[in-house]
Amino acid sequence: MLSESLLSRITVDPEICHGKPCVRGLRYPVETILEYLAGGNSVEDLLVEFPDLEREDILACREFSRRMLAAKSVHLTLA
């Protein structure tokens, strides 16, 4: 699926989750989906846990985060 098509699954509505980017207008913030993935959950785990999500929704969250990181320059100080 093309990245532009994936990104169309991410919506921002001030009335839903305080305007945070969400999946298809549902109350699943992109941030939350990414936290599950970072915590070790697989795409399959999330599809079982949240049956109203589709595989493309999770891929859209990953693409959205990739685009956001590519758009910003982040400088970390290494200790």
N, C-alpha and C. Protein backbone atom coordinates (compact mmCIF):
# COMPACT_ATOMS: atom_id res chain seq x y z
N MET A 1 0.86 -1.17 0.00
CA MET A 1 0.00 0.00 0.00
C MET A 1 0.90 1.23 0.00
N LEU A 2 0.59 2.21 -0.83
CA LEU A 2 1.38 3.42 -0.92
C LEU A 2 1.32 4.22 0.37
N SER A 3 2.42 4.90 0.69
CA SER A 3 2.47 5.62 1.96
C SER A 3 1.41 6.71 2.04
N GLU A 4 1.08 7.36 0.91
CA GLU A 4 0.04 8.39 0.95
C GLU A 4 -1.31 7.79 1.30
N SER A 5 -1.58 6.61 0.80
CA SER A 5 -2.83 5.93 1.12
C SER A 5 -2.85 5.52 2.59
N LEU A 6 -1.69 5.06 3.09
CA LEU A 6 -1.60 4.73 4.51
C LEU A 6 -1.86 5.96 5.37
N LEU A 7 -1.24 7.07 5.00
CA LEU A 7 -1.37 8.29 5.80
C LEU A 7 -2.81 8.81 5.84
N SER A 8 -3.61 8.47 4.85
CA SER A 8 -5.01 8.92 4.87
C SER A 8 -5.79 8.26 6.00
N ARG A 9 -5.25 7.22 6.58
CA ARG A 9 -5.88 6.55 7.72
C ARG A 9 -5.66 7.29 9.03
N ILE A 10 -4.72 8.23 9.05
CA ILE A 10 -4.43 9.00 10.25
C ILE A 10 -5.21 10.30 10.19
N THR A 11 -6.02 10.54 11.21
CA THR A 11 -6.88 11.71 11.24
C THR A 11 -6.60 12.55 12.47
N VAL A 12 -6.90 13.83 12.35
CA VAL A 12 -6.77 14.76 13.47
C VAL A 12 -8.09 15.50 13.59
N ASP A 13 -8.71 15.36 14.74
CA ASP A 13 -10.00 16.00 15.00
C ASP A 13 -9.95 16.54 16.42
N PRO A 14 -10.14 17.86 16.59
CA PRO A 14 -10.08 18.43 17.94
C PRO A 14 -11.08 17.80 18.92
N GLU A 15 -12.12 17.16 18.41
CA GLU A 15 -13.14 16.55 19.26
C GLU A 15 -12.77 15.12 19.68
N ILE A 16 -11.71 14.57 19.10
CA ILE A 16 -11.33 13.19 19.40
C ILE A 16 -9.92 13.19 19.98
N CYS A 17 -9.77 12.67 21.19
CA CYS A 17 -8.47 12.55 21.87
C CYS A 17 -7.71 13.87 21.89
N HIS A 18 -8.43 14.95 22.13
CA HIS A 18 -7.82 16.28 22.26
C HIS A 18 -7.02 16.70 21.03
N GLY A 19 -7.42 16.20 19.87
CA GLY A 19 -6.75 16.60 18.63
C GLY A 19 -5.48 15.86 18.32
N LYS A 20 -5.17 14.81 19.08
CA LYS A 20 -3.99 14.01 18.77
C LYS A 20 -4.24 13.20 17.50
N PRO A 21 -3.20 12.93 16.72
CA PRO A 21 -3.39 12.08 15.53
C PRO A 21 -3.90 10.70 15.97
N CYS A 22 -4.97 10.26 15.31
CA CYS A 22 -5.61 8.99 15.64
C CYS A 22 -5.81 8.15 14.38
N VAL A 23 -6.14 6.90 14.61
CA VAL A 23 -6.41 5.97 13.51
C VAL A 23 -7.87 6.11 13.08
N ARG A 24 -8.09 6.49 11.84
CA ARG A 24 -9.41 6.54 11.20
C ARG A 24 -10.51 7.18 12.04
N GLY A 25 -10.18 8.17 12.81
CA GLY A 25 -11.19 8.84 13.62
C GLY A 25 -11.64 8.03 14.83
N LEU A 26 -11.02 6.89 15.02
CA LEU A 26 -11.31 6.08 16.20
C LEU A 26 -10.52 6.66 17.37
N ARG A 27 -10.75 6.19 18.52
CA ARG A 27 -10.05 6.72 19.69
C ARG A 27 -8.79 5.92 19.99
N TYR A 28 -8.02 5.70 18.94
CA TYR A 28 -6.72 5.05 19.06
C TYR A 28 -5.66 6.04 18.61
N PRO A 29 -5.04 6.75 19.56
CA PRO A 29 -3.98 7.67 19.16
C PRO A 29 -2.79 6.92 18.57
N VAL A 30 -2.17 7.52 17.57
CA VAL A 30 -0.98 6.96 16.95
C VAL A 30 0.06 6.67 18.04
N GLU A 31 0.22 7.61 18.95
CA GLU A 31 1.20 7.48 20.03
C GLU A 31 1.00 6.18 20.82
N THR A 32 -0.24 5.84 21.10
CA THR A 32 -0.54 4.64 21.87
C THR A 32 -0.17 3.38 21.10
N ILE A 33 -0.50 3.35 19.82
CA ILE A 33 -0.16 2.19 18.99
C ILE A 33 1.35 2.01 18.94
N LEU A 34 2.07 3.12 18.78
CA LEU A 34 3.53 3.05 18.74
C LEU A 34 4.11 2.59 20.08
N GLU A 35 3.49 2.97 21.19
CA GLU A 35 3.94 2.52 22.50
C GLU A 35 3.78 1.00 22.64
N TYR A 36 2.67 0.47 22.15
CA TYR A 36 2.49 -0.99 22.17
C TYR A 36 3.58 -1.68 21.35
N LEU A 37 3.85 -1.16 20.15
CA LEU A 37 4.88 -1.76 19.30
C LEU A 37 6.25 -1.66 19.96
N ALA A 38 6.56 -0.52 20.55
CA ALA A 38 7.85 -0.33 21.22
C ALA A 38 7.97 -1.25 22.43
N GLY A 39 6.85 -1.57 23.04
CA GLY A 39 6.86 -2.45 24.21
C GLY A 39 6.98 -3.92 23.86
N GLY A 40 7.04 -4.23 22.58
CA GLY A 40 7.25 -5.61 22.18
C GLY A 40 6.06 -6.30 21.57
N ASN A 41 4.91 -5.64 21.55
CA ASN A 41 3.75 -6.25 20.91
C ASN A 41 3.95 -6.28 19.40
N SER A 42 3.50 -7.35 18.78
CA SER A 42 3.58 -7.46 17.32
C SER A 42 2.32 -6.87 16.70
N VAL A 43 2.36 -6.70 15.40
CA VAL A 43 1.17 -6.24 14.68
C VAL A 43 0.04 -7.22 14.92
N GLU A 44 0.34 -8.51 14.88
CA GLU A 44 -0.67 -9.55 15.10
C GLU A 44 -1.27 -9.45 16.50
N ASP A 45 -0.41 -9.17 17.50
CA ASP A 45 -0.90 -9.00 18.87
C ASP A 45 -1.93 -7.88 18.93
N LEU A 46 -1.62 -6.77 18.28
CA LEU A 46 -2.53 -5.61 18.32
C LEU A 46 -3.84 -5.90 17.59
N LEU A 47 -3.76 -6.65 16.51
CA LEU A 47 -4.99 -6.99 15.76
C LEU A 47 -5.91 -7.87 16.59
N VAL A 48 -5.32 -8.72 17.41
CA VAL A 48 -6.13 -9.57 18.30
C VAL A 48 -6.71 -8.73 19.43
N GLU A 49 -5.88 -7.89 20.01
CA GLU A 49 -6.30 -7.06 21.16
C GLU A 49 -7.35 -6.02 20.77
N PHE A 50 -7.22 -5.46 19.58
CA PHE A 50 -8.12 -4.40 19.11
C PHE A 50 -8.72 -4.81 17.77
N PRO A 51 -9.80 -5.61 17.78
CA PRO A 51 -10.34 -6.18 16.55
C PRO A 51 -10.87 -5.16 15.54
N ASP A 52 -11.12 -3.93 15.97
CA ASP A 52 -11.60 -2.93 15.00
C ASP A 52 -10.45 -2.27 14.25
N LEU A 53 -9.20 -2.59 14.60
CA LEU A 53 -8.06 -2.10 13.83
C LEU A 53 -7.74 -3.06 12.70
N GLU A 54 -7.16 -2.52 11.64
CA GLU A 54 -6.72 -3.31 10.49
C GLU A 54 -5.21 -3.20 10.39
N ARG A 55 -4.60 -4.18 9.76
CA ARG A 55 -3.15 -4.20 9.59
C ARG A 55 -2.65 -2.88 9.01
N GLU A 56 -3.35 -2.32 8.05
CA GLU A 56 -2.95 -1.07 7.41
C GLU A 56 -2.98 0.11 8.39
N ASP A 57 -3.84 0.04 9.40
CA ASP A 57 -3.89 1.09 10.42
C ASP A 57 -2.57 1.14 11.19
N ILE A 58 -2.06 -0.02 11.53
CA ILE A 58 -0.82 -0.09 12.30
C ILE A 58 0.36 0.33 11.42
N LEU A 59 0.34 -0.10 10.17
CA LEU A 59 1.38 0.34 9.23
C LEU A 59 1.32 1.84 9.04
N ALA A 60 0.12 2.39 9.05
CA ALA A 60 -0.05 3.85 8.90
C ALA A 60 0.56 4.58 10.09
N CYS A 61 0.43 4.04 11.28
CA CYS A 61 1.04 4.65 12.46
C CYS A 61 2.55 4.68 12.32
N ARG A 62 3.11 3.58 11.85
CA ARG A 62 4.57 3.53 11.66
C ARG A 62 5.02 4.51 10.59
N GLU A 63 4.28 4.60 9.51
CA GLU A 63 4.63 5.55 8.44
C GLU A 63 4.49 6.99 8.91
N PHE A 64 3.45 7.26 9.68
CA PHE A 64 3.25 8.61 10.21
C PHE A 64 4.44 9.01 11.09
N SER A 65 4.87 8.11 11.96
CA SER A 65 5.99 8.43 12.84
C SER A 65 7.28 8.59 12.04
N ARG A 66 7.47 7.78 11.02
CA ARG A 66 8.65 7.91 10.17
C ARG A 66 8.68 9.28 9.51
N ARG A 67 7.52 9.71 9.00
CA ARG A 67 7.45 11.02 8.35
C ARG A 67 7.70 12.16 9.34
N MET A 68 7.16 12.03 10.54
CA MET A 68 7.36 13.08 11.54
C MET A 68 8.83 13.18 11.94
N LEU A 69 9.48 12.05 12.11
CA LEU A 69 10.90 12.06 12.47
C LEU A 69 11.76 12.59 11.33
N ALA A 70 11.40 12.29 10.11
CA ALA A 70 12.15 12.76 8.95
C ALA A 70 12.01 14.27 8.81
N ALA A 71 10.89 14.81 9.26
CA ALA A 71 10.62 16.24 9.12
C ALA A 71 11.31 17.06 10.20
N LYS A 72 11.68 16.46 11.30
CA LYS A 72 12.30 17.17 12.42
C LYS A 72 13.73 16.70 12.60
N SER A 73 14.55 17.63 12.97
CA SER A 73 15.92 17.31 13.33
C SER A 73 15.99 17.15 14.83
N VAL A 74 16.42 15.99 15.28
CA VAL A 74 16.49 15.71 16.70
C VAL A 74 17.95 15.53 17.08
N HIS A 75 18.39 16.29 18.07
CA HIS A 75 19.77 16.20 18.53
C HIS A 75 19.77 15.70 19.97
N LEU A 76 20.40 14.57 20.17
CA LEU A 76 20.48 13.99 21.50
C LEU A 76 21.91 14.12 22.01
N THR A 77 22.02 14.39 23.28
CA THR A 77 23.33 14.43 23.92
C THR A 77 23.62 13.04 24.48
N LEU A 78 24.71 12.46 24.05
CA LEU A 78 25.07 11.13 24.55
C LEU A 78 25.87 11.26 25.83
N ALA A 79 25.50 10.49 26.81
CA ALA A 79 26.20 10.55 28.11
C ALA A 79 27.39 9.65 28.13
